[in-house]
Amino acid sequence: MENPILEAKKELIQWIKEMDELEDIVELLEIKNRKKSVYQVVEPQTEYAV
């Protein structure tokens, strides 16, 4: 039995490959960029006493 997440990713990849509407592609890129910014890890700014 195949992983359902992997199957969904394969389906999305195929769908994106067949896309030819610029507006749809731009919208997907905006979603990707929003998600990317959510997952970026900010390093803590730890101060050390010397």
Protein backbone atom coordinates (compact mmCIF):
# COMPACT_ATOMS: atom_id res chain seq x y z
CA MET A 1 0.00 0.00 0.00
CA GLU A 2 1.39 3.35 -0.99
CA ASN A 3 1.71 6.38 1.26
CA PRO A 4 -1.35 8.68 0.77
CA ILE A 5 0.83 11.79 1.12
CA LEU A 6 3.15 10.54 -1.61
CA GLU A 7 0.17 9.79 -3.85
CA ALA A 8 -1.22 13.29 -3.30
CA LYS A 9 2.16 14.85 -4.08
CA LYS A 10 2.43 12.84 -7.31
CA GLU A 11 -1.04 13.98 -8.34
CA LEU A 12 -0.20 17.62 -7.60
CA ILE A 13 3.09 17.41 -9.51
CA GLN A 14 1.33 16.01 -12.56
CA TRP A 15 -1.37 18.69 -12.35
CA ILE A 16 1.25 21.45 -12.08
CA LYS A 17 3.19 20.03 -15.06
CA GLU A 18 0.06 20.32 -17.18
CA MET A 19 -0.74 23.88 -16.05
CA ASP A 20 -0.51 26.60 -18.63
CA GLU A 21 -2.36 29.51 -17.02
CA LEU A 22 0.06 32.10 -15.66
CA GLU A 23 -2.46 33.36 -13.08
CA ASP A 24 -2.81 29.86 -11.60
CA ILE A 25 0.95 29.37 -11.46
CA VAL A 26 1.43 32.76 -9.79
CA GLU A 27 -1.22 31.87 -7.22
CA LEU A 28 0.55 28.60 -6.42
CA LEU A 29 3.85 30.45 -6.03
CA GLU A 30 2.19 32.88 -3.62
CA ILE A 31 0.89 29.96 -1.55
CA LYS A 32 4.35 28.38 -1.57
CA ASN A 33 5.98 31.62 -0.44
CA ARG A 34 3.45 32.13 2.36
CA LYS A 35 4.03 28.59 3.60
CA LYS A 36 7.80 28.95 3.31
CA SER A 37 7.78 32.08 5.48
CA VAL A 38 5.73 30.28 8.13
CA TYR A 39 8.25 27.45 8.37
CA GLN A 40 11.37 29.58 8.48
CA VAL A 41 13.06 29.17 11.83
CA VAL A 42 14.31 32.30 13.49
CA GLU A 43 17.44 31.75 15.48
CA PRO A 44 17.13 32.98 19.04
CA GLN A 45 19.17 36.06 19.85
CA THR A 46 20.83 34.80 22.98
CA GLU A 47 22.97 37.27 24.87
CA TYR A 48 25.91 36.06 26.89
CA ALA A 49 27.39 37.90 29.84
CA VAL A 50 31.14 38.26 29.55
